[in-house]
Structures are given as structure tokens and as C-alpha cells.
Amino acid sequence: MRVNDLILAIMVIVGGVALAAAASRLPPIPGQAYGAEVFPLLTAVGLILCGFALGAQALRSGAGPAIALGWARERAALMRAAAPVAAVIAYMLLAPRLGFVLATALMTGGLFVLLRVRVVVAIPLAIVVAVITYYSFAYGLRVPLPRGLVEGWL
């Protein structure tokens, strides 16, 4: 799929604005100097800045075709495009039952394999990513994450 970068830039900016609007409605955290909106707002600002940078680059380089969908005729390409959405849906269904670490490791490991990362690299990398992310959010940021079998060992 070829999508003009200007279209992608607009989508990224709109996503950043939507994230900022949603983050501004998050309730404050009692006893904290900063609220739950800080990280989503920082992410929103980053998205908006990246969108403007992408748009400026697209305008400087000249516009190509708005959308060319030749890839959509290939089944494998469609599967690769749908995989991240399917992985997020699977995570949402599995995390409450399996816990954050196991569900995240399965999701990232599956996506790594789909991206043709060797299995002997994908599995340990997925586990390391899941554990580091768990510690960062559960202990560093004190975000409550779904608990499962593995979290009891950590």
C-alpha cells in the first residue's frame, strides 16, 4: 500500500489531538504531583509534532499518489496488515485470564515471528520485553496490570 505521507500526517495529527482530548478528561490521582494525564499528553504532543514533521516532509518532496492498493490483492499482505489488530484483540481477551506478562509475551512473540524474526530470537526477546514492560509499569509507574501465573513469581 502506498499512502501519501500527507494523508498519514493528517491521521497522526488527528490521533494526537484525540489522545490529548481523552487524556485531559482523566481524573487526578490523589496525593500525586502529576495526574494520570501526563504520559498520554506527552504521547499526544509527540504524535502531533511527528505529524507536522511528516506533513512538512511530504510537502517538500511533492505529492505522490494518494492511495495505491495493489498490495491488497495479496493474501499474505492482508494477513500482515491485520495481524497487529488481531494481536491487540487477542491480548484484550487473554490478559485478564493469563496475566500481563504471558499475554504480552505471546502477542509480541507472535508478531516477531510474523515479521520473520527467527524463533530462537523471537521467544527470548518477547519474554524480556514483557518482563521489562511489566516492571516499568507495575513497579516504576504503579500501574495496576492484569495478574496471572507469572506475575506471582516476579
N, C-alpha and C. Protein backbone atom coordinates (compact mmCIF):
# COMPACT_ATOMS: atom_id res chain seq x y z
N MET A 1 0.85 -1.18 0.00
CA MET A 1 0.00 0.00 0.00
C MET A 1 0.89 1.23 0.00
N ARG A 2 0.60 2.15 -0.87
CA ARG A 2 1.27 3.45 -0.85
C ARG A 2 0.23 4.48 -0.48
N VAL A 3 0.47 5.12 0.60
CA VAL A 3 -0.40 6.21 1.01
C VAL A 3 0.47 7.46 1.06
N ASN A 4 0.01 8.51 0.48
CA ASN A 4 0.75 9.77 0.51
C ASN A 4 1.04 10.13 1.96
N ASP A 5 2.26 10.56 2.22
CA ASP A 5 2.66 10.91 3.59
C ASP A 5 1.82 12.04 4.17
N LEU A 6 1.28 12.88 3.33
CA LEU A 6 0.44 13.98 3.82
C LEU A 6 -0.84 13.43 4.46
N ILE A 7 -1.40 12.38 3.87
CA ILE A 7 -2.60 11.74 4.45
C ILE A 7 -2.23 11.11 5.80
N LEU A 8 -1.09 10.42 5.84
CA LEU A 8 -0.65 9.82 7.11
C LEU A 8 -0.39 10.91 8.16
N ALA A 9 0.19 12.02 7.74
CA ALA A 9 0.47 13.12 8.68
C ALA A 9 -0.82 13.65 9.29
N ILE A 10 -1.83 13.82 8.46
CA ILE A 10 -3.12 14.30 8.97
C ILE A 10 -3.71 13.30 9.95
N MET A 11 -3.61 12.00 9.62
CA MET A 11 -4.14 10.97 10.52
C MET A 11 -3.40 10.98 11.86
N VAL A 12 -2.08 11.15 11.83
CA VAL A 12 -1.29 11.16 13.06
C VAL A 12 -1.64 12.39 13.90
N ILE A 13 -1.80 13.54 13.26
CA ILE A 13 -2.17 14.76 14.00
C ILE A 13 -3.55 14.61 14.62
N VAL A 14 -4.51 14.09 13.86
CA VAL A 14 -5.86 13.89 14.40
C VAL A 14 -5.82 12.90 15.56
N GLY A 15 -5.04 11.84 15.44
CA GLY A 15 -4.89 10.89 16.54
C GLY A 15 -4.29 11.53 17.77
N GLY A 16 -3.29 12.38 17.58
CA GLY A 16 -2.68 13.09 18.70
C GLY A 16 -3.65 14.03 19.39
N VAL A 17 -4.44 14.74 18.60
CA VAL A 17 -5.45 15.65 19.18
C VAL A 17 -6.50 14.85 19.95
N ALA A 18 -6.94 13.72 19.38
CA ALA A 18 -7.94 12.89 20.06
C ALA A 18 -7.37 12.34 21.37
N LEU A 19 -6.11 11.92 21.35
CA LEU A 19 -5.48 11.41 22.57
C LEU A 19 -5.37 12.51 23.62
N ALA A 20 -5.00 13.71 23.20
CA ALA A 20 -4.91 14.83 24.14
C ALA A 20 -6.26 15.15 24.75
N ALA A 21 -7.31 15.12 23.92
CA ALA A 21 -8.66 15.39 24.43
C ALA A 21 -9.08 14.33 25.45
N ALA A 22 -8.80 13.07 25.14
CA ALA A 22 -9.16 11.99 26.07
C ALA A 22 -8.33 12.08 27.35
N ALA A 23 -7.05 12.39 27.23
CA ALA A 23 -6.18 12.47 28.40
C ALA A 23 -6.57 13.61 29.32
N SER A 24 -7.05 14.69 28.75
CA SER A 24 -7.41 15.84 29.59
C SER A 24 -8.62 15.55 30.47
N ARG A 25 -9.35 14.50 30.15
CA ARG A 25 -10.54 14.14 30.94
C ARG A 25 -10.24 13.11 32.03
N LEU A 26 -9.00 12.64 32.12
CA LEU A 26 -8.66 11.65 33.14
C LEU A 26 -8.69 12.29 34.52
N PRO A 27 -9.19 11.56 35.51
CA PRO A 27 -9.28 12.14 36.86
C PRO A 27 -7.90 12.28 37.50
N PRO A 28 -7.75 13.25 38.39
CA PRO A 28 -6.46 13.41 39.08
C PRO A 28 -6.21 12.25 40.04
N ILE A 29 -4.95 12.01 40.31
CA ILE A 29 -4.57 10.95 41.25
C ILE A 29 -4.31 11.62 42.59
N PRO A 30 -5.06 11.25 43.62
CA PRO A 30 -4.87 11.89 44.93
C PRO A 30 -3.45 11.67 45.46
N GLY A 31 -2.88 12.75 45.98
CA GLY A 31 -1.56 12.66 46.59
C GLY A 31 -0.40 12.65 45.61
N GLN A 32 -0.67 12.83 44.33
CA GLN A 32 0.39 12.84 43.33
C GLN A 32 0.59 14.25 42.78
N ALA A 33 1.84 14.59 42.50
CA ALA A 33 2.14 15.91 41.93
C ALA A 33 1.70 15.99 40.47
N TYR A 34 1.59 14.86 39.84
CA TYR A 34 1.14 14.82 38.45
C TYR A 34 0.00 13.82 38.37
N GLY A 35 -0.83 13.97 37.36
CA GLY A 35 -2.00 13.12 37.25
C GLY A 35 -1.84 12.03 36.20
N ALA A 36 -2.91 11.31 36.00
CA ALA A 36 -2.92 10.20 35.04
C ALA A 36 -2.79 10.69 33.61
N GLU A 37 -2.98 11.98 33.39
CA GLU A 37 -2.96 12.51 32.03
C GLU A 37 -1.56 12.82 31.52
N VAL A 38 -0.54 12.79 32.37
CA VAL A 38 0.80 13.25 31.98
C VAL A 38 1.36 12.45 30.81
N PHE A 39 1.44 11.14 30.93
CA PHE A 39 2.04 10.34 29.87
C PHE A 39 1.20 10.33 28.59
N PRO A 40 -0.12 10.21 28.68
CA PRO A 40 -0.90 10.33 27.44
C PRO A 40 -0.74 11.70 26.77
N LEU A 41 -0.64 12.77 27.57
CA LEU A 41 -0.45 14.10 26.97
C LEU A 41 0.92 14.22 26.31
N LEU A 42 1.95 13.67 26.95
CA LEU A 42 3.28 13.68 26.32
C LEU A 42 3.27 12.89 25.02
N THR A 43 2.59 11.76 25.02
CA THR A 43 2.47 10.96 23.80
C THR A 43 1.71 11.73 22.74
N ALA A 44 0.64 12.42 23.13
CA ALA A 44 -0.15 13.21 22.18
C ALA A 44 0.69 14.32 21.56
N VAL A 45 1.47 15.01 22.38
CA VAL A 45 2.34 16.07 21.86
C VAL A 45 3.35 15.48 20.88
N GLY A 46 3.91 14.33 21.22
CA GLY A 46 4.85 13.66 20.32
C GLY A 46 4.20 13.29 18.99
N LEU A 47 2.98 12.76 19.05
CA LEU A 47 2.26 12.42 17.82
C LEU A 47 2.01 13.65 16.96
N ILE A 48 1.56 14.72 17.60
CA ILE A 48 1.26 15.94 16.85
C ILE A 48 2.53 16.49 16.20
N LEU A 49 3.64 16.53 16.94
CA LEU A 49 4.90 17.02 16.38
C LEU A 49 5.38 16.13 15.24
N CYS A 50 5.28 14.82 15.41
CA CYS A 50 5.68 13.90 14.34
C CYS A 50 4.78 14.07 13.12
N GLY A 51 3.49 14.28 13.35
CA GLY A 51 2.57 14.51 12.24
C GLY A 51 2.92 15.75 11.45
N PHE A 52 3.25 16.83 12.16
CA PHE A 52 3.65 18.06 11.47
C PHE A 52 4.97 17.87 10.71
N ALA A 53 5.92 17.15 11.31
CA ALA A 53 7.19 16.90 10.64
C ALA A 53 6.98 16.05 9.38
N LEU A 54 6.16 15.02 9.49
CA LEU A 54 5.86 14.17 8.34
C LEU A 54 5.15 14.96 7.25
N GLY A 55 4.21 15.80 7.64
CA GLY A 55 3.49 16.63 6.67
C GLY A 55 4.41 17.61 5.97
N ALA A 56 5.32 18.23 6.71
CA ALA A 56 6.27 19.17 6.11
C ALA A 56 7.18 18.45 5.12
N GLN A 57 7.62 17.26 5.48
CA GLN A 57 8.47 16.48 4.59
C GLN A 57 7.70 16.09 3.33
N ALA A 58 6.43 15.72 3.48
CA ALA A 58 5.61 15.34 2.32
C ALA A 58 5.41 16.53 1.39
N LEU A 59 5.21 17.70 1.95
CA LEU A 59 5.02 18.90 1.12
C LEU A 59 6.31 19.28 0.39
N ARG A 60 7.45 19.10 1.05
CA ARG A 60 8.73 19.42 0.41
C ARG A 60 9.06 18.46 -0.73
N SER A 61 8.72 17.18 -0.56
CA SER A 61 9.10 16.17 -1.55
C SER A 61 8.12 16.09 -2.72
N GLY A 62 6.98 16.70 -2.61
CA GLY A 62 5.98 16.62 -3.68
C GLY A 62 5.04 15.46 -3.44
N ALA A 63 3.83 15.62 -3.86
CA ALA A 63 2.79 14.61 -3.59
C ALA A 63 2.85 13.49 -4.61
N GLY A 64 2.78 12.28 -4.11
CA GLY A 64 2.65 11.11 -4.97
C GLY A 64 1.19 10.73 -5.05
N PRO A 65 0.92 9.50 -5.44
CA PRO A 65 -0.48 9.08 -5.46
C PRO A 65 -1.05 9.07 -4.05
N ALA A 66 -2.30 9.45 -3.94
CA ALA A 66 -2.93 9.49 -2.62
C ALA A 66 -2.96 8.10 -2.01
N ILE A 67 -3.51 7.15 -2.73
CA ILE A 67 -3.57 5.78 -2.23
C ILE A 67 -3.45 4.83 -3.42
N ALA A 68 -2.57 3.85 -3.32
CA ALA A 68 -2.46 2.79 -4.32
C ALA A 68 -2.59 1.47 -3.58
N LEU A 69 -3.56 0.69 -3.92
CA LEU A 69 -3.88 -0.52 -3.14
C LEU A 69 -3.52 -1.82 -3.86
N GLY A 70 -2.44 -1.84 -4.61
CA GLY A 70 -2.04 -3.06 -5.29
C GLY A 70 -1.74 -4.20 -4.33
N TRP A 71 -1.23 -3.87 -3.16
CA TRP A 71 -0.88 -4.88 -2.17
C TRP A 71 -2.11 -5.62 -1.66
N ALA A 72 -3.27 -5.00 -1.74
CA ALA A 72 -4.49 -5.58 -1.16
C ALA A 72 -4.94 -6.84 -1.90
N ARG A 73 -4.34 -7.11 -3.04
CA ARG A 73 -4.69 -8.33 -3.78
C ARG A 73 -3.92 -9.54 -3.27
N GLU A 74 -2.91 -9.32 -2.45
CA GLU A 74 -2.10 -10.42 -1.93
C GLU A 74 -2.60 -10.84 -0.55
N ARG A 75 -2.93 -12.11 -0.42
CA ARG A 75 -3.45 -12.62 0.85
C ARG A 75 -2.44 -12.45 1.99
N ALA A 76 -1.18 -12.74 1.72
CA ALA A 76 -0.15 -12.63 2.76
C ALA A 76 -0.02 -11.19 3.26
N ALA A 77 -0.12 -10.24 2.35
CA ALA A 77 -0.02 -8.83 2.74
C ALA A 77 -1.21 -8.43 3.60
N LEU A 78 -2.38 -8.91 3.25
CA LEU A 78 -3.57 -8.62 4.06
C LEU A 78 -3.44 -9.21 5.46
N MET A 79 -2.89 -10.42 5.54
CA MET A 79 -2.70 -11.05 6.85
C MET A 79 -1.71 -10.25 7.70
N ARG A 80 -0.63 -9.78 7.07
CA ARG A 80 0.35 -8.97 7.82
C ARG A 80 -0.26 -7.65 8.28
N ALA A 81 -1.14 -7.09 7.48
CA ALA A 81 -1.79 -5.83 7.86
C ALA A 81 -2.79 -6.05 8.99
N ALA A 82 -3.46 -7.19 9.00
CA ALA A 82 -4.48 -7.46 10.02
C ALA A 82 -3.87 -8.00 11.32
N ALA A 83 -2.66 -8.50 11.27
CA ALA A 83 -2.05 -9.15 12.44
C ALA A 83 -1.94 -8.25 13.66
N PRO A 84 -1.49 -7.00 13.55
CA PRO A 84 -1.41 -6.17 14.77
C PRO A 84 -2.77 -5.94 15.42
N VAL A 85 -3.80 -5.75 14.61
CA VAL A 85 -5.15 -5.56 15.17
C VAL A 85 -5.60 -6.85 15.86
N ALA A 86 -5.37 -7.98 15.20
CA ALA A 86 -5.74 -9.27 15.80
C ALA A 86 -4.95 -9.52 17.08
N ALA A 87 -3.68 -9.12 17.10
CA ALA A 87 -2.85 -9.31 18.30
C ALA A 87 -3.38 -8.49 19.47
N VAL A 88 -3.79 -7.26 19.21
CA VAL A 88 -4.34 -6.42 20.29
C VAL A 88 -5.65 -7.00 20.80
N ILE A 89 -6.50 -7.47 19.90
CA ILE A 89 -7.77 -8.09 20.32
C ILE A 89 -7.49 -9.35 21.14
N ALA A 90 -6.54 -10.17 20.68
CA ALA A 90 -6.18 -11.37 21.44
C ALA A 90 -5.64 -11.01 22.81
N TYR A 91 -4.81 -9.96 22.88
CA TYR A 91 -4.29 -9.51 24.18
C TYR A 91 -5.43 -9.11 25.10
N MET A 92 -6.39 -8.36 24.58
CA MET A 92 -7.52 -7.91 25.41
C MET A 92 -8.31 -9.09 25.95
N LEU A 93 -8.42 -10.15 25.17
CA LEU A 93 -9.16 -11.33 25.61
C LEU A 93 -8.34 -12.20 26.56
N LEU A 94 -7.04 -12.28 26.33
CA LEU A 94 -6.20 -13.19 27.11
C LEU A 94 -5.63 -12.59 28.39
N ALA A 95 -5.36 -11.30 28.41
CA ALA A 95 -4.70 -10.69 29.57
C ALA A 95 -5.45 -10.89 30.88
N PRO A 96 -6.78 -10.74 30.91
CA PRO A 96 -7.46 -10.95 32.19
C PRO A 96 -7.32 -12.39 32.71
N ARG A 97 -7.14 -13.35 31.81
CA ARG A 97 -7.04 -14.75 32.23
C ARG A 97 -5.59 -15.18 32.47
N LEU A 98 -4.69 -14.78 31.57
CA LEU A 98 -3.31 -15.23 31.64
C LEU A 98 -2.40 -14.28 32.40
N GLY A 99 -2.79 -13.03 32.52
CA GLY A 99 -1.95 -12.02 33.13
C GLY A 99 -1.19 -11.24 32.08
N PHE A 100 -0.63 -10.11 32.51
CA PHE A 100 0.04 -9.19 31.59
C PHE A 100 1.26 -9.82 30.93
N VAL A 101 2.14 -10.42 31.72
CA VAL A 101 3.42 -10.90 31.18
C VAL A 101 3.21 -11.98 30.13
N LEU A 102 2.41 -12.98 30.43
CA LEU A 102 2.20 -14.07 29.49
C LEU A 102 1.47 -13.60 28.23
N ALA A 103 0.43 -12.79 28.40
CA ALA A 103 -0.31 -12.29 27.24
C ALA A 103 0.57 -11.39 26.37
N THR A 104 1.38 -10.55 27.00
CA THR A 104 2.27 -9.66 26.24
C THR A 104 3.35 -10.46 25.53
N ALA A 105 3.91 -11.46 26.20
CA ALA A 105 4.93 -12.29 25.56
C ALA A 105 4.36 -13.04 24.37
N LEU A 106 3.15 -13.57 24.50
CA LEU A 106 2.51 -14.26 23.37
C LEU A 106 2.25 -13.30 22.22
N MET A 107 1.76 -12.11 22.54
CA MET A 107 1.45 -11.14 21.49
C MET A 107 2.72 -10.69 20.77
N THR A 108 3.72 -10.26 21.52
CA THR A 108 4.94 -9.77 20.87
C THR A 108 5.70 -10.90 20.18
N GLY A 109 5.73 -12.07 20.79
CA GLY A 109 6.39 -13.21 20.15
C GLY A 109 5.73 -13.58 18.84
N GLY A 110 4.41 -13.60 18.83
CA GLY A 110 3.70 -13.89 17.59
C GLY A 110 3.97 -12.86 16.51
N LEU A 111 4.00 -11.60 16.89
CA LEU A 111 4.29 -10.55 15.91
C LEU A 111 5.74 -10.62 15.43
N PHE A 112 6.67 -10.95 16.32
CA PHE A 112 8.06 -11.11 15.90
C PHE A 112 8.19 -12.22 14.87
N VAL A 113 7.54 -13.36 15.13
CA VAL A 113 7.60 -14.48 14.19
C VAL A 113 6.97 -14.09 12.86
N LEU A 114 5.87 -13.36 12.91
CA LEU A 114 5.22 -12.90 11.69
C LEU A 114 6.15 -11.97 10.90
N LEU A 115 6.97 -11.20 11.60
CA LEU A 115 7.94 -10.31 10.95
C LEU A 115 9.21 -11.06 10.54
N ARG A 116 9.17 -12.36 10.63
CA ARG A 116 10.25 -13.25 10.20
C ARG A 116 11.49 -13.17 11.08
N VAL A 117 11.30 -12.83 12.34
CA VAL A 117 12.40 -12.92 13.31
C VAL A 117 12.53 -14.41 13.64
N ARG A 118 13.76 -14.89 13.70
CA ARG A 118 13.96 -16.31 14.00
C ARG A 118 13.34 -16.65 15.36
N VAL A 119 12.74 -17.82 15.46
CA VAL A 119 12.03 -18.23 16.68
C VAL A 119 12.98 -18.23 17.88
N VAL A 120 14.24 -18.66 17.68
CA VAL A 120 15.19 -18.70 18.80
C VAL A 120 15.52 -17.30 19.31
N VAL A 121 15.29 -16.28 18.51
CA VAL A 121 15.48 -14.90 18.93
C VAL A 121 14.15 -14.32 19.42
N ALA A 122 13.06 -14.63 18.71
CA ALA A 122 11.75 -14.04 19.00
C ALA A 122 11.24 -14.40 20.39
N ILE A 123 11.38 -15.65 20.78
CA ILE A 123 10.82 -16.09 22.07
C ILE A 123 11.52 -15.42 23.26
N PRO A 124 12.86 -15.50 23.35
CA PRO A 124 13.51 -14.81 24.48
C PRO A 124 13.29 -13.30 24.46
N LEU A 125 13.31 -12.71 23.27
CA LEU A 125 13.10 -11.27 23.17
C LEU A 125 11.70 -10.88 23.63
N ALA A 126 10.70 -11.67 23.25
CA ALA A 126 9.33 -11.39 23.68
C ALA A 126 9.20 -11.49 25.20
N ILE A 127 9.85 -12.47 25.80
CA ILE A 127 9.80 -12.63 27.25
C ILE A 127 10.49 -11.45 27.94
N VAL A 128 11.66 -11.06 27.45
CA VAL A 128 12.39 -9.93 28.05
C VAL A 128 11.58 -8.64 27.92
N VAL A 129 11.01 -8.40 26.75
CA VAL A 129 10.19 -7.20 26.54
C VAL A 129 9.00 -7.19 27.51
N ALA A 130 8.34 -8.33 27.66
CA ALA A 130 7.18 -8.41 28.54
C ALA A 130 7.56 -8.16 30.00
N VAL A 131 8.65 -8.74 30.45
CA VAL A 131 9.07 -8.59 31.85
C VAL A 131 9.53 -7.15 32.12
N ILE A 132 10.31 -6.58 31.22
CA ILE A 132 10.76 -5.19 31.41
C ILE A 132 9.58 -4.24 31.41
N THR A 133 8.64 -4.46 30.50
CA THR A 133 7.45 -3.61 30.46
C THR A 133 6.64 -3.76 31.73
N TYR A 134 6.51 -4.99 32.22
CA TYR A 134 5.77 -5.24 33.46
C TYR A 134 6.41 -4.48 34.63
N TYR A 135 7.72 -4.63 34.80
CA TYR A 135 8.40 -3.94 35.90
C TYR A 135 8.29 -2.43 35.76
N SER A 136 8.44 -1.93 34.54
CA SER A 136 8.36 -0.48 34.32
C SER A 136 7.01 0.07 34.73
N PHE A 137 5.95 -0.61 34.33
CA PHE A 137 4.62 -0.09 34.61
C PHE A 137 4.13 -0.47 36.01
N ALA A 138 4.30 -1.73 36.42
CA ALA A 138 3.76 -2.17 37.71
C ALA A 138 4.51 -1.58 38.89
N TYR A 139 5.83 -1.52 38.80
CA TYR A 139 6.61 -1.03 39.93
C TYR A 139 7.08 0.40 39.75
N GLY A 140 7.55 0.74 38.55
CA GLY A 140 8.04 2.10 38.31
C GLY A 140 6.93 3.13 38.30
N LEU A 141 5.85 2.84 37.59
CA LEU A 141 4.75 3.80 37.46
C LEU A 141 3.54 3.44 38.32
N ARG A 142 3.59 2.27 38.96
CA ARG A 142 2.50 1.79 39.82
C ARG A 142 1.16 1.70 39.08
N VAL A 143 1.24 1.21 37.85
CA VAL A 143 0.03 0.99 37.06
C VAL A 143 -0.46 -0.43 37.36
N PRO A 144 -1.72 -0.58 37.75
CA PRO A 144 -2.22 -1.93 38.01
C PRO A 144 -2.39 -2.69 36.69
N LEU A 145 -1.71 -3.82 36.58
CA LEU A 145 -1.77 -4.64 35.37
C LEU A 145 -2.43 -5.97 35.70
N PRO A 146 -3.02 -6.63 34.70
CA PRO A 146 -3.66 -7.92 34.95
C PRO A 146 -2.65 -8.93 35.50
N ARG A 147 -3.02 -9.58 36.59
CA ARG A 147 -2.13 -10.55 37.22
C ARG A 147 -2.51 -11.95 36.78
N GLY A 148 -1.50 -12.77 36.59
CA GLY A 148 -1.69 -14.16 36.20
C GLY A 148 -0.69 -15.03 36.92
N LEU A 149 -0.37 -16.16 36.33
CA LEU A 149 0.56 -17.11 36.94
C LEU A 149 1.97 -16.54 37.08
N VAL A 150 2.45 -15.90 36.05
CA VAL A 150 3.84 -15.44 36.02
C VAL A 150 4.07 -14.29 36.98
N GLU A 151 3.13 -13.39 37.11
CA GLU A 151 3.31 -12.21 37.96
C GLU A 151 3.56 -12.57 39.42
N GLY A 152 3.06 -13.70 39.87
CA GLY A 152 3.31 -14.16 41.23
C GLY A 152 4.77 -14.49 41.47
N TRP A 153 5.48 -14.86 40.42
CA TRP A 153 6.90 -15.20 40.53
C TRP A 153 7.79 -13.97 40.46
N LEU A 154 7.27 -12.87 39.95
CA LEU A 154 8.11 -11.67 39.74
C LEU A 154 8.15 -10.80 40.97
